[in-house]
Amino acid sequence: MAEIMTIRGDLELLARTEHLFAGVREEFVCAARDPDTWAHLAARHAARDRIIRNSGSTRRFRKLYSPAALADERGRAHLSEMADGGADVRVAITALPHETIIIDRRFAILAGTDAPGGREYTVTTAPTLVGGVYALFEAAWETATDFKVFLRGERPQLDAESRTVLRALGSGATDETAARELGMSLRTYRRRVAELLAALDAGSRFQAGVRAGELGLSG
């Protein structure tokens, strides 16, 4: 495959990249606006079936959607099907304008805008481009919320001070250093940490960091 290739239309994309979808070795990641991002029904179902069929293996499958994916029952059912099939599914805090697929950090598929003759897709194996796209995906993933948590509406609201304390916890600073940098007494800082753990339903500071990541709370 050439380092950069342009493909027009969902069916041609599927035909030209079928071996990539079928041969995922370690990881498949996808960012999409909604379940209808692949406009052609056959292409969408074929891709979905491959992911569900392979997600029970040791491979990791991550799907990131914009909140628009939850706009109707059909969209929510689609995401539930993916999650129940073993994929990690998260909802981004902002809209995702275009679909991006990355396979094994070796191939990236970037979707263009909708057009009458079908969307154009750019497929690349260039390490620099693939690495850059993957880094952008990771940044969006870290601030996204687990699909089922998002659906339950269990994302706690943290005020500015709580987010500052969360950042201090993530920095690894001692309580004394963090309290001093935040202009708090040590007693007040520890009280705010305890309140933060309670808000995140975490039993330890480590769990609080994990929980904050799951909920897309950057601190």
Protein backbone atom coordinates (compact mmCIF):
# COMPACT_ATOMS: atom_id res chain seq x y z
CA MET A 1 0.00 0.00 0.00
CA ALA A 2 1.23 3.49 -0.84
CA GLU A 3 1.99 5.72 2.16
CA ILE A 4 -0.99 7.94 1.29
CA MET A 5 -3.96 6.83 -0.82
CA THR A 6 -7.27 8.54 -1.62
CA ILE A 7 -10.44 6.46 -1.95
CA ARG A 8 -13.95 7.65 -2.91
CA GLY A 9 -17.07 6.07 -1.44
CA ASP A 10 -17.81 3.60 1.35
CA LEU A 11 -17.96 0.51 -0.84
CA GLU A 12 -14.62 1.19 -2.49
CA LEU A 13 -13.13 1.89 0.92
CA LEU A 14 -14.38 -1.44 2.24
CA ALA A 15 -13.12 -3.30 -0.82
CA ARG A 16 -9.68 -1.67 -0.69
CA THR A 17 -9.20 -2.02 3.07
CA GLU A 18 -11.09 -5.24 3.85
CA HIS A 19 -7.84 -7.02 4.71
CA LEU A 20 -7.05 -4.34 7.29
CA PHE A 21 -10.39 -4.70 9.07
CA ALA A 22 -10.13 -8.49 9.01
CA GLY A 23 -6.51 -8.56 10.17
CA VAL A 24 -6.48 -6.44 13.31
CA ARG A 25 -3.63 -7.74 15.46
CA GLU A 26 -3.58 -5.57 18.57
CA GLU A 27 -5.86 -2.55 18.48
CA PHE A 28 -8.68 -0.98 16.50
CA VAL A 29 -9.74 2.57 17.38
CA CYS A 30 -12.46 4.64 15.78
CA ALA A 31 -13.79 8.17 16.32
CA ALA A 32 -17.15 8.90 14.73
CA ARG A 33 -19.90 11.50 14.78
CA ASP A 34 -22.68 8.93 15.06
CA PRO A 35 -23.54 5.35 14.03
CA ASP A 36 -24.45 6.57 10.52
CA THR A 37 -21.04 8.02 9.77
CA TRP A 38 -20.55 5.29 7.19
CA ALA A 39 -23.50 6.19 5.00
CA HIS A 40 -23.80 2.97 3.02
CA LEU A 41 -25.70 0.36 5.02
CA ALA A 42 -23.78 -2.65 3.70
CA ALA A 43 -20.41 -1.08 4.45
CA ARG A 44 -21.49 -0.04 7.93
CA HIS A 45 -22.85 -3.48 8.81
CA ALA A 46 -19.81 -5.28 7.45
CA ALA A 47 -17.44 -3.15 9.52
CA ARG A 48 -19.61 -3.51 12.62
CA ASP A 49 -19.84 -7.28 12.27
CA ARG A 50 -16.08 -7.64 11.94
CA ILE A 51 -15.49 -5.60 15.09
CA ILE A 52 -18.06 -7.50 17.15
CA ARG A 53 -16.80 -10.84 15.84
CA ASN A 54 -13.20 -10.10 16.86
CA SER A 55 -13.75 -8.11 20.07
CA GLY A 56 -13.77 -11.19 22.30
CA SER A 57 -10.09 -11.82 21.60
CA THR A 58 -7.03 -10.23 23.15
CA ARG A 59 -7.28 -7.35 20.69
CA ARG A 60 -8.46 -4.00 22.01
CA PHE A 61 -11.34 -2.22 20.31
CA ARG A 62 -12.11 1.40 21.22
CA LYS A 63 -14.98 3.45 19.82
CA LEU A 64 -15.35 7.17 20.49
CA TYR A 65 -18.59 8.92 19.54
CA SER A 66 -19.88 12.46 19.75
CA PRO A 67 -22.97 13.07 21.94
CA ALA A 68 -25.06 13.07 18.75
CA ALA A 69 -24.78 9.28 18.74
CA LEU A 70 -27.17 9.17 21.70
CA ALA A 71 -29.81 11.35 20.08
CA ASP A 72 -32.20 8.46 19.44
CA GLU A 73 -32.91 4.94 20.66
CA ARG A 74 -31.36 3.35 17.57
CA GLY A 75 -28.06 5.09 18.24
CA ARG A 76 -28.06 4.10 21.90
CA ALA A 77 -28.85 0.49 20.95
CA HIS A 78 -25.94 0.46 18.51
CA LEU A 79 -23.49 1.68 21.14
CA SER A 80 -24.85 -0.83 23.66
CA GLU A 81 -24.35 -3.63 21.16
CA MET A 82 -20.73 -2.60 20.67
CA ALA A 83 -20.09 -2.32 24.42
CA ASP A 84 -21.77 -5.66 25.16
CA GLY A 85 -19.67 -7.24 22.42
CA GLY A 86 -16.48 -6.31 24.27
CA ALA A 87 -15.52 -2.96 22.78
CA ASP A 88 -14.60 0.02 24.96
CA VAL A 89 -17.09 2.75 24.05
CA ARG A 90 -16.85 6.37 25.20
CA VAL A 91 -18.74 9.58 24.47
CA ALA A 92 -16.72 12.71 23.71
CA ILE A 93 -17.46 15.99 25.41
CA THR A 94 -17.64 17.78 22.06
CA ALA A 95 -18.72 16.98 18.51
CA LEU A 96 -16.39 14.93 16.31
CA PRO A 97 -16.49 16.37 12.78
CA HIS A 98 -15.03 13.43 10.85
CA GLU A 99 -14.54 9.70 11.29
CA THR A 100 -11.07 8.45 12.01
CA ILE A 101 -10.01 4.82 12.16
CA ILE A 102 -6.58 3.63 13.30
CA ILE A 103 -5.54 -0.02 13.07
CA ASP A 104 -2.60 -1.36 15.07
CA ARG A 105 -1.05 2.14 15.02
CA ARG A 106 0.09 1.25 11.50
CA PHE A 107 -2.83 2.38 9.33
CA ALA A 108 -5.05 5.44 9.61
CA ILE A 109 -8.25 6.13 7.67
CA LEU A 110 -9.44 9.73 7.66
CA ALA A 111 -12.92 10.53 6.39
CA GLY A 112 -13.61 13.64 4.34
CA THR A 113 -16.82 15.64 4.20
CA ASP A 114 -20.03 14.29 2.67
CA ALA A 115 -20.33 14.78 -1.10
CA PRO A 116 -22.89 13.79 -3.78
CA GLY A 117 -20.51 11.25 -5.29
CA GLY A 118 -19.56 9.78 -1.95
CA ARG A 119 -17.08 10.87 0.66
CA GLU A 120 -13.36 10.79 0.04
CA TYR A 121 -11.20 8.82 2.45
CA THR A 122 -7.49 9.19 2.98
CA VAL A 123 -5.68 6.00 3.95
CA THR A 124 -2.13 6.40 5.19
CA THR A 125 0.67 4.23 6.49
CA ALA A 126 3.08 7.14 6.97
CA PRO A 127 4.36 6.71 10.55
CA THR A 128 4.40 10.43 11.30
CA LEU A 129 0.81 10.94 10.16
CA VAL A 130 -0.48 7.80 11.86
CA GLY A 131 1.30 8.76 15.07
CA GLY A 132 -0.10 12.29 14.98
CA VAL A 133 -3.66 11.11 14.40
CA TYR A 134 -3.30 8.53 17.16
CA ALA A 135 -2.09 11.19 19.60
CA LEU A 136 -5.13 13.36 18.80
CA PHE A 137 -7.41 10.38 19.34
CA GLU A 138 -5.79 9.65 22.70
CA ALA A 139 -6.30 13.25 23.81
CA ALA A 140 -10.00 13.09 22.95
CA TRP A 141 -10.33 9.63 24.52
CA GLU A 142 -8.86 10.75 27.85
CA THR A 143 -11.46 13.50 28.23
CA ALA A 144 -14.39 11.31 27.12
CA THR A 145 -16.88 9.49 29.36
CA ASP A 146 -17.59 5.78 29.42
CA PHE A 147 -20.75 5.18 27.40
CA LYS A 148 -22.72 3.40 30.12
CA VAL A 149 -21.70 5.95 32.74
CA PHE A 150 -22.70 8.75 30.39
CA LEU A 151 -26.04 7.07 29.80
CA ARG A 152 -26.70 6.80 33.54
CA GLY A 153 -25.93 10.48 33.99
CA GLU A 154 -23.44 9.75 36.74
CA ARG A 155 -20.85 12.31 35.74
CA PRO A 156 -20.32 14.39 38.91
CA GLN A 157 -20.11 18.15 38.68
CA LEU A 158 -16.84 19.45 40.11
CA ASP A 159 -16.31 23.10 40.88
CA ALA A 160 -13.13 24.94 39.89
CA GLU A 161 -11.44 24.32 43.23
CA SER A 162 -12.19 20.60 43.12
CA ARG A 163 -10.67 20.38 39.65
CA THR A 164 -7.59 22.19 40.94
CA VAL A 165 -7.27 19.65 43.74
CA LEU A 166 -7.71 16.84 41.21
CA ARG A 167 -4.84 18.23 39.15
CA ALA A 168 -2.71 18.43 42.30
CA LEU A 169 -3.41 14.77 43.04
CA GLY A 170 -2.43 13.84 39.51
CA SER A 171 0.86 15.74 39.79
CA GLY A 172 2.09 13.45 42.55
CA ALA A 173 2.97 16.37 44.84
CA THR A 174 2.92 15.80 48.58
CA ASP A 175 -0.03 17.16 50.54
CA GLU A 176 2.18 19.82 52.08
CA THR A 177 3.49 21.00 48.69
CA ALA A 178 0.06 20.91 47.03
CA ALA A 179 -1.58 22.82 49.88
CA ARG A 180 1.12 25.47 49.77
CA GLU A 181 0.89 25.87 45.98
CA LEU A 182 -2.90 26.15 46.18
CA GLY A 183 -2.80 28.65 49.02
CA MET A 184 -4.67 26.34 51.41
CA SER A 185 -3.94 25.11 54.87
CA LEU A 186 -2.93 21.45 55.02
CA ARG A 187 -6.14 20.67 56.91
CA THR A 188 -8.30 22.37 54.28
CA TYR A 189 -6.48 20.63 51.43
CA ARG A 190 -6.98 17.21 52.98
CA ARG A 191 -10.63 17.98 53.60
CA ARG A 192 -11.08 18.91 49.94
CA VAL A 193 -9.32 15.69 48.91
CA ALA A 194 -11.74 13.69 51.08
CA GLU A 195 -14.69 15.52 49.51
CA LEU A 196 -13.31 14.81 46.04
CA LEU A 197 -12.95 11.10 46.77
CA ALA A 198 -16.54 11.01 48.01
CA ALA A 199 -17.80 12.82 44.88
CA LEU A 200 -15.97 10.34 42.65
CA ASP A 201 -17.04 7.34 44.76
CA ALA A 202 -13.37 6.40 45.09
CA GLY A 203 -11.79 4.52 47.98
CA SER A 204 -8.29 5.84 47.38
CA ARG A 205 -6.47 8.63 45.62
CA PHE A 206 -5.39 6.21 42.91
CA GLN A 207 -8.99 5.13 42.36
CA ALA A 208 -9.98 8.80 42.19
CA GLY A 209 -7.56 9.30 39.31
CA VAL A 210 -8.89 6.23 37.50
CA ARG A 211 -12.48 7.26 38.10
CA ALA A 212 -11.80 10.81 36.90
CA GLY A 213 -10.32 9.40 33.70
CA GLU A 214 -13.33 7.15 33.12
CA LEU A 215 -15.67 10.09 33.56
CA GLY A 216 -13.68 12.42 31.32
CA LEU A 217 -12.84 14.80 34.18
CA SER A 218 -9.49 16.32 33.35
CA GLY A 219 -9.30 18.20 36.64
